[in-house]
Amino acid sequence: MDRDLLRGIGVMCASVGLIGVSYGATAVAAGFPIWLPALTGFLVLAASSEFLFVGVIAAGGDPFAGALAGLLVNARHIPYGLAVPDVIESGWRRVPGTHLLNDETVVLALSQDTLARKRAAYWLCGLGIVAVWPLGALAGGVLGALVHNTDALGLDAMFPAVILALILPALRDRATLRAALVGGAVAMATFAFLPVGLPELLALVGVPFAGGLWLKKGAGAAAGDAGDAEDADVVSDAAEASEFATRGAADAAAGPTTAPTTTSGGLA
């Protein structure tokens, strides 16, 4: 791997670690014990659903309702999984590889030009995140006992900025850009009145606007496999763009609050 890729992975892991600090501080400020955000950070490894779960419980909701809401948010893993089956590989590696599946590892892997680089980026970034996310949450838990208004830290802006920088190269392709714009517009139009997680799923209606996604049949087995891979990439890019658009808009609309929010972090 070259220095640029290593630098990108380092920046990504650093931003995730800082968002973990925000998550841990938010959880402890809401009344949870310090060990809880660190434990869920390692076992769940899904920032959006973890923030949502904490928010539901802190508001007096049922734990099962919080868990179901988290599953809904992470339903976007379905197109992510379709985009990186070769990257995760098969055999015993698929189990830990699937655990590392999240926004950051997928978008970073898909930004690489060869399968070897995709696998290296996915695994190195994933292992880095599985280390820095719970550690950041633990540090944030300690900080949460001192700083109750965690939004004042301004950590929420890091993830959307990093994701935007990573998806920009993919948007040079007109088909991907068209799908991402339509998906982002749908997400932006619906996030204000739909439950968290649904806008991102509805944004997948932008995929057909990439054009020709279902017109590649009969081109031969090899061509068909390549077309499937391209289609999966378009689906993933559209989901990433809609995730970025929805979270950015939600942050802008929500403004500073002291209650736990679900707009921080994009670790899936």
C-alpha atoms as a PDB file:
ATOM      1  CA  MET A   1       0.000   0.000   0.000  1.00  0.00           C
ATOM      2  CA  ASP A   2       1.186   3.515  -0.796  1.00  0.00           C
ATOM      3  CA  ARG A   3       1.388   6.460   1.544  1.00  0.00           C
ATOM      4  CA  ASP A   4      -1.797   8.066   0.251  1.00  0.00           C
ATOM      5  CA  LEU A   5      -3.870   5.001   1.117  1.00  0.00           C
ATOM      6  CA  LEU A   6      -2.272   4.683   4.550  1.00  0.00           C
ATOM      7  CA  ARG A   7      -2.854   8.384   5.155  1.00  0.00           C
ATOM      8  CA  GLY A   8      -6.501   8.010   4.160  1.00  0.00           C
ATOM      9  CA  ILE A   9      -6.954   5.069   6.524  1.00  0.00           C
ATOM     10  CA  GLY A  10      -5.276   7.014   9.314  1.00  0.00           C
ATOM     11  CA  VAL A  11      -7.532  10.027   8.822  1.00  0.00           C
ATOM     12  CA  MET A  12     -10.586   7.786   8.709  1.00  0.00           C
ATOM     13  CA  CYS A  13      -9.688   5.966  11.914  1.00  0.00           C
ATOM     14  CA  ALA A  14      -8.856   9.237  13.672  1.00  0.00           C
ATOM     15  CA  SER A  15     -12.240  10.710  12.752  1.00  0.00           C
ATOM     16  CA  VAL A  16     -14.036   7.559  13.905  1.00  0.00           C
ATOM     17  CA  GLY A  17     -12.148   7.653  17.195  1.00  0.00           C
ATOM     18  CA  LEU A  18     -13.216  11.247  17.803  1.00  0.00           C
ATOM     19  CA  ILE A  19     -16.824  10.400  16.984  1.00  0.00           C
ATOM     20  CA  GLY A  20     -16.458   7.546  19.489  1.00  0.00           C
ATOM     21  CA  VAL A  21     -15.510  10.133  22.093  1.00  0.00           C
ATOM     22  CA  SER A  22     -18.744  11.968  21.285  1.00  0.00           C
ATOM     23  CA  TYR A  23     -20.735   8.730  21.566  1.00  0.00           C
ATOM     24  CA  GLY A  24     -19.239   7.759  24.915  1.00  0.00           C
ATOM     25  CA  ALA A  25     -19.746  11.252  26.314  1.00  0.00           C
ATOM     26  CA  THR A  26     -23.344  11.301  25.078  1.00  0.00           C
ATOM     27  CA  ALA A  27     -24.135   7.901  26.603  1.00  0.00           C
ATOM     28  CA  VAL A  28     -22.662   8.700  30.012  1.00  0.00           C
ATOM     29  CA  ALA A  29     -24.282  12.134  30.079  1.00  0.00           C
ATOM     30  CA  ALA A  30     -27.614  10.358  29.481  1.00  0.00           C
ATOM     31  CA  GLY A  31     -27.074   8.212  32.574  1.00  0.00           C
ATOM     32  CA  PHE A  32     -25.441   5.057  31.184  1.00  0.00           C
ATOM     33  CA  PRO A  33     -22.407   3.475  32.885  1.00  0.00           C
ATOM     34  CA  ILE A  34     -18.988   4.157  31.398  1.00  0.00           C
ATOM     35  CA  TRP A  35     -18.438   0.522  30.337  1.00  0.00           C
ATOM     36  CA  LEU A  36     -21.611   0.331  28.208  1.00  0.00           C
ATOM     37  CA  PRO A  37     -20.523   2.493  25.224  1.00  0.00           C
ATOM     38  CA  ALA A  38     -17.152   0.737  25.133  1.00  0.00           C
ATOM     39  CA  LEU A  39     -18.790  -2.711  25.159  1.00  0.00           C
ATOM     40  CA  THR A  40     -21.382  -1.897  22.511  1.00  0.00           C
ATOM     41  CA  GLY A  41     -18.693  -0.149  20.500  1.00  0.00           C
ATOM     42  CA  PHE A  42     -16.791  -3.418  20.191  1.00  0.00           C
ATOM     43  CA  LEU A  43     -19.686  -5.867  19.868  1.00  0.00           C
ATOM     44  CA  VAL A  44     -22.085  -3.813  17.739  1.00  0.00           C
ATOM     45  CA  LEU A  45     -19.576  -1.630  15.875  1.00  0.00           C
ATOM     46  CA  ALA A  46     -22.371   0.454  14.372  1.00  0.00           C
ATOM     47  CA  ALA A  47     -22.365   4.103  15.396  1.00  0.00           C
ATOM     48  CA  SER A  48     -25.729   5.116  13.971  1.00  0.00           C
ATOM     49  CA  SER A  49     -27.624   2.317  15.683  1.00  0.00           C
ATOM     50  CA  GLU A  50     -25.670   2.776  18.912  1.00  0.00           C
ATOM     51  CA  PHE A  51     -26.480   6.495  19.059  1.00  0.00           C
ATOM     52  CA  LEU A  52     -30.099   5.681  18.271  1.00  0.00           C
ATOM     53  CA  PHE A  53     -30.330   2.984  20.936  1.00  0.00           C
ATOM     54  CA  VAL A  54     -28.914   5.313  23.572  1.00  0.00           C
ATOM     55  CA  GLY A  55     -31.309   8.059  22.490  1.00  0.00           C
ATOM     56  CA  VAL A  56     -34.365   5.801  22.676  1.00  0.00           C
ATOM     57  CA  ILE A  57     -33.494   4.464  26.131  1.00  0.00           C
ATOM     58  CA  ALA A  58     -32.575   7.915  27.459  1.00  0.00           C
ATOM     59  CA  ALA A  59     -35.967   9.200  26.310  1.00  0.00           C
ATOM     60  CA  GLY A  60     -37.727   6.453  28.284  1.00  0.00           C
ATOM     61  CA  GLY A  61     -38.254   4.052  25.393  1.00  0.00           C
ATOM     62  CA  ASP A  62     -38.228   0.274  25.446  1.00  0.00           C
ATOM     63  CA  PRO A  63     -34.881  -1.485  24.817  1.00  0.00           C
ATOM     64  CA  PHE A  64     -36.505  -3.705  22.182  1.00  0.00           C
ATOM     65  CA  ALA A  65     -37.796  -0.623  20.381  1.00  0.00           C
ATOM     66  CA  GLY A  66     -34.295   0.811  20.441  1.00  0.00           C
ATOM     67  CA  ALA A  67     -32.857  -2.425  19.056  1.00  0.00           C
ATOM     68  CA  LEU A  68     -35.440  -2.593  16.253  1.00  0.00           C
ATOM     69  CA  ALA A  69     -34.747   1.026  15.345  1.00  0.00           C
ATOM     70  CA  GLY A  70     -31.048   0.222  15.172  1.00  0.00           C
ATOM     71  CA  LEU A  71     -31.711  -2.722  12.848  1.00  0.00           C
ATOM     72  CA  LEU A  72     -33.742  -0.450  10.592  1.00  0.00           C
ATOM     73  CA  VAL A  73     -30.905   2.057  10.372  1.00  0.00           C
ATOM     74  CA  ASN A  74     -28.415  -0.664   9.500  1.00  0.00           C
ATOM     75  CA  ALA A  75     -30.594  -2.148   6.763  1.00  0.00           C
ATOM     76  CA  ARG A  76     -28.339  -0.191   4.412  1.00  0.00           C
ATOM     77  CA  HIS A  77     -25.780  -2.923   5.021  1.00  0.00           C
ATOM     78  CA  ILE A  78     -27.666  -4.982   2.447  1.00  0.00           C
ATOM     79  CA  PRO A  79     -26.445  -2.954  -0.556  1.00  0.00           C
ATOM     80  CA  TYR A  80     -23.044  -2.602   1.121  1.00  0.00           C
ATOM     81  CA  GLY A  81     -22.750  -6.383   1.297  1.00  0.00           C
ATOM     82  CA  LEU A  82     -23.695  -6.675  -2.369  1.00  0.00           C
ATOM     83  CA  ALA A  83     -20.921  -4.251  -3.253  1.00  0.00           C
ATOM     84  CA  VAL A  84     -17.994  -6.014  -1.528  1.00  0.00           C
ATOM     85  CA  PRO A  85     -18.459  -9.826  -1.603  1.00  0.00           C
ATOM     86  CA  ASP A  86     -15.045 -10.391  -3.205  1.00  0.00           C
ATOM     87  CA  VAL A  87     -13.393  -7.970  -0.803  1.00  0.00           C
ATOM     88  CA  ILE A  88     -14.636  -9.806   2.291  1.00  0.00           C
ATOM     89  CA  GLU A  89     -13.547 -13.146   0.757  1.00  0.00           C
ATOM     90  CA  SER A  90     -14.890 -16.546   1.780  1.00  0.00           C
ATOM     91  CA  GLY A  91     -14.255 -19.230   4.374  1.00  0.00           C
ATOM     92  CA  TRP A  92     -13.480 -18.329   7.969  1.00  0.00           C
ATOM     93  CA  ARG A  93     -12.541 -14.754   6.992  1.00  0.00           C
ATOM     94  CA  ARG A  94     -16.149 -13.965   6.069  1.00  0.00           C
ATOM     95  CA  VAL A  95     -17.316 -13.925   9.713  1.00  0.00           C
ATOM     96  CA  PRO A  96     -14.848 -11.314  11.029  1.00  0.00           C
ATOM     97  CA  GLY A  97     -14.928  -9.563   7.653  1.00  0.00           C
ATOM     98  CA  THR A  98     -18.686  -9.103   7.884  1.00  0.00           C
ATOM     99  CA  HIS A  99     -18.321  -7.663  11.377  1.00  0.00           C
ATOM    100  CA  LEU A 100     -16.037  -4.972   9.910  1.00  0.00           C
ATOM    101  CA  LEU A 101     -18.652  -3.986   7.296  1.00  0.00           C
ATOM    102  CA  ASN A 102     -19.513  -0.318   7.778  1.00  0.00           C
ATOM    103  CA  ASP A 103     -19.702   2.992   5.930  1.00  0.00           C
ATOM    104  CA  GLU A 104     -16.015   3.740   6.210  1.00  0.00           C
ATOM    105  CA  THR A 105     -14.575   0.364   5.219  1.00  0.00           C
ATOM    106  CA  VAL A 106     -16.929  -0.020   2.248  1.00  0.00           C
ATOM    107  CA  VAL A 107     -16.434   3.438   0.777  1.00  0.00           C
ATOM    108  CA  LEU A 108     -12.671   3.262   1.266  1.00  0.00           C
ATOM    109  CA  ALA A 109     -12.453  -0.183  -0.327  1.00  0.00           C
ATOM    110  CA  LEU A 110     -14.593   0.804  -3.321  1.00  0.00           C
ATOM    111  CA  SER A 111     -12.396   3.849  -3.929  1.00  0.00           C
ATOM    112  CA  GLN A 112      -9.441   1.573  -4.772  1.00  0.00           C
ATOM    113  CA  ASP A 113      -8.718   0.402  -8.329  1.00  0.00           C
ATOM    114  CA  THR A 114      -7.570  -3.199  -7.796  1.00  0.00           C
ATOM    115  CA  LEU A 115      -8.962  -6.103  -5.782  1.00  0.00           C
ATOM    116  CA  ALA A 116      -5.750  -6.430  -3.780  1.00  0.00           C
ATOM    117  CA  ARG A 117      -5.855  -2.764  -2.773  1.00  0.00           C
ATOM    118  CA  LYS A 118      -9.570  -3.016  -1.987  1.00  0.00           C
ATOM    119  CA  ARG A 119      -8.958  -5.942   0.359  1.00  0.00           C
ATOM    120  CA  ALA A 120      -5.995  -4.254   2.017  1.00  0.00           C
ATOM    121  CA  ALA A 121      -7.919  -1.009   2.538  1.00  0.00           C
ATOM    122  CA  TYR A 122     -11.003  -2.827   3.833  1.00  0.00           C
ATOM    123  CA  TRP A 123      -9.204  -5.002   6.357  1.00  0.00           C
ATOM    124  CA  LEU A 124      -6.703  -2.436   7.603  1.00  0.00           C
ATOM    125  CA  CYS A 125      -9.351   0.259   7.974  1.00  0.00           C
ATOM    126  CA  GLY A 126     -11.772  -2.203   9.585  1.00  0.00           C
ATOM    127  CA  LEU A 127      -9.251  -3.445  12.128  1.00  0.00           C
ATOM    128  CA  GLY A 128      -8.267   0.128  12.920  1.00  0.00           C
ATOM    129  CA  ILE A 129     -11.893   1.098  13.491  1.00  0.00           C
ATOM    130  CA  VAL A 130     -12.629  -1.906  15.693  1.00  0.00           C
ATOM    131  CA  ALA A 131      -9.789  -0.667  17.905  1.00  0.00           C
ATOM    132  CA  VAL A 132     -10.334   3.105  17.954  1.00  0.00           C
ATOM    133  CA  TRP A 133     -14.154   3.138  18.143  1.00  0.00           C
ATOM    134  CA  PRO A 134     -14.543   1.400  21.550  1.00  0.00           C
ATOM    135  CA  LEU A 135     -11.426   3.117  22.891  1.00  0.00           C
ATOM    136  CA  GLY A 136     -12.822   6.479  21.820  1.00  0.00           C
ATOM    137  CA  ALA A 137     -16.153   5.583  23.427  1.00  0.00           C
ATOM    138  CA  LEU A 138     -14.371   4.696  26.671  1.00  0.00           C
ATOM    139  CA  ALA A 139     -12.484   7.993  26.641  1.00  0.00           C
ATOM    140  CA  GLY A 140     -15.728   9.805  25.884  1.00  0.00           C
ATOM    141  CA  GLY A 141     -17.405   8.049  28.776  1.00  0.00           C
ATOM    142  CA  VAL A 142     -14.854   9.553  31.139  1.00  0.00           C
ATOM    143  CA  LEU A 143     -15.282  12.929  29.450  1.00  0.00           C
ATOM    144  CA  GLY A 144     -19.075  12.676  29.653  1.00  0.00           C
ATOM    145  CA  ALA A 145     -18.921  12.932  33.420  1.00  0.00           C
ATOM    146  CA  LEU A 146     -17.378  16.390  32.990  1.00  0.00           C
ATOM    147  CA  VAL A 147     -18.962  17.781  29.787  1.00  0.00           C
ATOM    148  CA  HIS A 148     -22.736  17.337  29.624  1.00  0.00           C
ATOM    149  CA  ASN A 149     -23.365  19.278  26.396  1.00  0.00           C
ATOM    150  CA  THR A 150     -21.385  17.037  24.033  1.00  0.00           C
ATOM    151  CA  ASP A 151     -22.690  18.874  20.939  1.00  0.00           C
ATOM    152  CA  ALA A 152     -20.511  21.813  21.984  1.00  0.00           C
ATOM    153  CA  LEU A 153     -17.466  19.705  21.089  1.00  0.00           C
ATOM    154  CA  GLY A 154     -18.356  19.904  17.393  1.00  0.00           C
ATOM    155  CA  LEU A 155     -17.231  16.339  16.661  1.00  0.00           C
ATOM    156  CA  ASP A 156     -20.302  15.513  14.571  1.00  0.00           C
ATOM    157  CA  ALA A 157     -18.982  17.392  11.539  1.00  0.00           C
ATOM    158  CA  MET A 158     -15.967  15.132  11.031  1.00  0.00           C
ATOM    159  CA  PHE A 159     -17.715  12.070   9.636  1.00  0.00           C
ATOM    160  CA  PRO A 160     -19.759  13.806   6.901  1.00  0.00           C
ATOM    161  CA  ALA A 161     -16.647  15.696   5.794  1.00  0.00           C
ATOM    162  CA  VAL A 162     -14.551  12.528   5.499  1.00  0.00           C
ATOM    163  CA  ILE A 163     -17.287  10.584   3.683  1.00  0.00           C
ATOM    164  CA  LEU A 164     -17.819  13.451   1.232  1.00  0.00           C
ATOM    165  CA  ALA A 165     -14.113  13.508   0.421  1.00  0.00           C
ATOM    166  CA  LEU A 166     -14.127   9.757  -0.213  1.00  0.00           C
ATOM    167  CA  ILE A 167     -17.196   9.607  -2.463  1.00  0.00           C
ATOM    168  CA  LEU A 168     -16.233  12.565  -4.665  1.00  0.00           C
ATOM    169  CA  PRO A 169     -13.979  10.495  -6.992  1.00  0.00           C
ATOM    170  CA  ALA A 170     -16.792   7.978  -7.610  1.00  0.00           C
ATOM    171  CA  LEU A 171     -19.149  10.817  -8.552  1.00  0.00           C
ATOM    172  CA  ARG A 172     -17.043  11.614 -11.612  1.00  0.00           C
ATOM    173  CA  ASP A 173     -18.903   8.792 -13.317  1.00  0.00           C
ATOM    174  CA  ARG A 174     -22.112  10.267 -14.759  1.00  0.00           C
ATOM    175  CA  ALA A 175     -24.229   7.184 -14.057  1.00  0.00           C
ATOM    176  CA  THR A 176     -23.141   7.084 -10.423  1.00  0.00           C
ATOM    177  CA  LEU A 177     -23.583  10.851 -10.062  1.00  0.00           C
ATOM    178  CA  ARG A 178     -27.108  10.650 -11.490  1.00  0.00           C
ATOM    179  CA  ALA A 179     -28.080   7.850  -9.100  1.00  0.00           C
ATOM    180  CA  ALA A 180     -26.495   9.620  -6.118  1.00  0.00           C
ATOM    181  CA  LEU A 181     -28.218  12.937  -6.877  1.00  0.00           C
ATOM    182  CA  VAL A 182     -31.640  11.324  -7.142  1.00  0.00           C
ATOM    183  CA  GLY A 183     -31.063   9.237  -4.010  1.00  0.00           C
ATOM    184  CA  GLY A 184     -29.752  12.237  -2.082  1.00  0.00           C
ATOM    185  CA  ALA A 185     -32.732  14.359  -3.149  1.00  0.00           C
ATOM    186  CA  VAL A 186     -35.176  11.692  -1.957  1.00  0.00           C
ATOM    187  CA  ALA A 187     -33.372  11.388   1.370  1.00  0.00           C
ATOM    188  CA  MET A 188     -33.293  15.166   1.848  1.00  0.00           C
ATOM    189  CA  ALA A 189     -36.999  15.461   1.034  1.00  0.00           C
ATOM    190  CA  THR A 190     -38.089  12.764   3.492  1.00  0.00           C
ATOM    191  CA  PHE A 191     -35.737  12.875   6.492  1.00  0.00           C
ATOM    192  CA  ALA A 192     -37.806  15.490   8.350  1.00  0.00           C
ATOM    193  CA  PHE A 193     -40.939  13.353   8.696  1.00  0.00           C
ATOM    194  CA  LEU A 194     -39.815   9.723   8.352  1.00  0.00           C
ATOM    195  CA  PRO A 195     -38.232   7.546  11.075  1.00  0.00           C
ATOM    196  CA  VAL A 196     -34.456   7.400  11.179  1.00  0.00           C
ATOM    197  CA  GLY A 197     -33.134   4.917   8.629  1.00  0.00           C
ATOM    198  CA  LEU A 198     -36.029   5.034   6.169  1.00  0.00           C
ATOM    199  CA  PRO A 199     -34.762   8.015   4.117  1.00  0.00           C
ATOM    200  CA  GLU A 200     -31.537   6.146   3.332  1.00  0.00           C
ATOM    201  CA  LEU A 201     -33.502   3.093   2.199  1.00  0.00           C
ATOM    202  CA  LEU A 202     -35.877   5.173   0.062  1.00  0.00           C
ATOM    203  CA  ALA A 203     -32.837   6.788  -1.551  1.00  0.00           C
ATOM    204  CA  LEU A 204     -32.180   3.509  -3.347  1.00  0.00           C
ATOM    205  CA  VAL A 205     -34.889   4.531  -5.837  1.00  0.00           C
ATOM    206  CA  GLY A 206     -32.086   6.530  -7.438  1.00  0.00           C
ATOM    207  CA  VAL A 207     -30.321   3.372  -8.596  1.00  0.00           C
ATOM    208  CA  PRO A 208     -32.425   2.874 -11.785  1.00  0.00           C
ATOM    209  CA  PHE A 209     -31.508   6.411 -12.851  1.00  0.00           C
ATOM    210  CA  ALA A 210     -27.943   5.222 -13.366  1.00  0.00           C
ATOM    211  CA  GLY A 211     -29.305   3.815 -16.622  1.00  0.00           C
ATOM    212  CA  GLY A 212     -28.951   0.370 -18.137  1.00  0.00           C
ATOM    213  CA  LEU A 213     -28.664  -1.522 -14.870  1.00  0.00           C
ATOM    214  CA  TRP A 214     -30.988  -4.269 -16.065  1.00  0.00           C
ATOM    215  CA  LEU A 215     -30.067  -4.169 -19.770  1.00  0.00           C
ATOM    216  CA  LYS A 216     -26.837  -6.138 -19.548  1.00  0.00           C
ATOM    217  CA  LYS A 217     -28.313  -9.637 -19.774  1.00  0.00           C
ATOM    218  CA  GLY A 218     -27.059 -11.932 -22.485  1.00  0.00           C
ATOM    219  CA  ALA A 219     -23.628 -10.295 -22.707  1.00  0.00           C
ATOM    220  CA  GLY A 220     -21.864 -13.432 -21.509  1.00  0.00           C
ATOM    221  CA  ALA A 221     -20.997 -14.773 -18.072  1.00  0.00           C
ATOM    222  CA  ALA A 222     -17.881 -12.676 -17.589  1.00  0.00           C
ATOM    223  CA  ALA A 223     -19.564  -9.502 -18.750  1.00  0.00           C
ATOM    224  CA  GLY A 224     -22.541 -10.293 -16.573  1.00  0.00           C
ATOM    225  CA  ASP A 225     -20.350 -10.655 -13.497  1.00  0.00           C
ATOM    226  CA  ALA A 226     -18.647  -7.344 -14.263  1.00  0.00           C
ATOM    227  CA  GLY A 227     -22.011  -5.678 -14.746  1.00  0.00           C
ATOM    228  CA  ASP A 228     -23.253  -7.050 -11.441  1.00  0.00           C
ATOM    229  CA  ALA A 229     -20.196  -5.654  -9.713  1.00  0.00           C
ATOM    230  CA  GLU A 230     -20.737  -2.237 -11.305  1.00  0.00           C
ATOM    231  CA  ASP A 231     -24.392  -2.276 -10.306  1.00  0.00           C
ATOM    232  CA  ALA A 232     -23.481  -3.100  -6.720  1.00  0.00           C
ATOM    233  CA  ASP A 233     -20.996  -0.225  -6.697  1.00  0.00           C
ATOM    234  CA  VAL A 234     -23.676   2.168  -7.936  1.00  0.00           C
ATOM    235  CA  VAL A 235     -26.085   0.962  -5.243  1.00  0.00           C
ATOM    236  CA  SER A 236     -23.433   1.436  -2.567  1.00  0.00           C
ATOM    237  CA  ASP A 237     -22.451   4.889  -3.857  1.00  0.00           C
ATOM    238  CA  ALA A 238     -26.083   5.991  -3.924  1.00  0.00           C
ATOM    239  CA  ALA A 239     -26.565   4.754  -0.352  1.00  0.00           C
ATOM    240  CA  GLU A 240     -23.378   6.525   0.789  1.00  0.00           C
ATOM    241  CA  ALA A 241     -24.407   9.799  -0.882  1.00  0.00           C
ATOM    242  CA  SER A 242     -27.881   9.650   0.627  1.00  0.00           C
ATOM    243  CA  GLU A 243     -26.401   8.828   4.057  1.00  0.00           C
ATOM    244  CA  PHE A 244     -24.142  11.873   3.813  1.00  0.00           C
ATOM    245  CA  ALA A 245     -26.975  14.138   2.621  1.00  0.00           C
ATOM    246  CA  THR A 246     -29.446  12.936   5.250  1.00  0.00           C
ATOM    247  CA  ARG A 247     -27.052  13.246   8.176  1.00  0.00           C
ATOM    248  CA  GLY A 248     -25.800  16.648   7.090  1.00  0.00           C
ATOM    249  CA  ALA A 249     -29.336  17.967   6.755  1.00  0.00           C
ATOM    250  CA  ALA A 250     -30.393  16.441  10.055  1.00  0.00           C
ATOM    251  CA  ASP A 251     -27.449  18.062  11.838  1.00  0.00           C
ATOM    252  CA  ALA A 252     -28.323  21.441  10.328  1.00  0.00           C
ATOM    253  CA  ALA A 253     -31.997  21.131  11.241  1.00  0.00           C
ATOM    254  CA  ALA A 254     -31.466  19.824  14.757  1.00  0.00           C
ATOM    255  CA  GLY A 255     -29.010  22.460  15.918  1.00  0.00           C
ATOM    256  CA  PRO A 256     -27.198  22.176  19.274  1.00  0.00           C
ATOM    257  CA  THR A 257     -28.963  20.051  21.860  1.00  0.00           C
ATOM    258  CA  THR A 258     -28.071  18.270  25.044  1.00  0.00           C
ATOM    259  CA  ALA A 259     -30.062  15.130  24.313  1.00  0.00           C
ATOM    260  CA  PRO A 260     -28.547  12.115  22.597  1.00  0.00           C
ATOM    261  CA  THR A 261     -28.909  12.337  18.818  1.00  0.00           C
ATOM    262  CA  THR A 262     -28.639   9.872  15.968  1.00  0.00           C
ATOM    263  CA  THR A 263     -26.954  12.216  13.547  1.00  0.00           C
ATOM    264  CA  SER A 264     -23.478  11.682  14.899  1.00  0.00           C
ATOM    265  CA  GLY A 265     -21.234   9.132  13.352  1.00  0.00           C
ATOM    266  CA  GLY A 266     -21.650   7.009  10.313  1.00  0.00           C
ATOM    267  CA  LEU A 267     -19.921   3.852  11.398  1.00  0.00           C
ATOM    268  CA  ALA A 268     -22.290   1.224  10.245  1.00  0.00           C
END
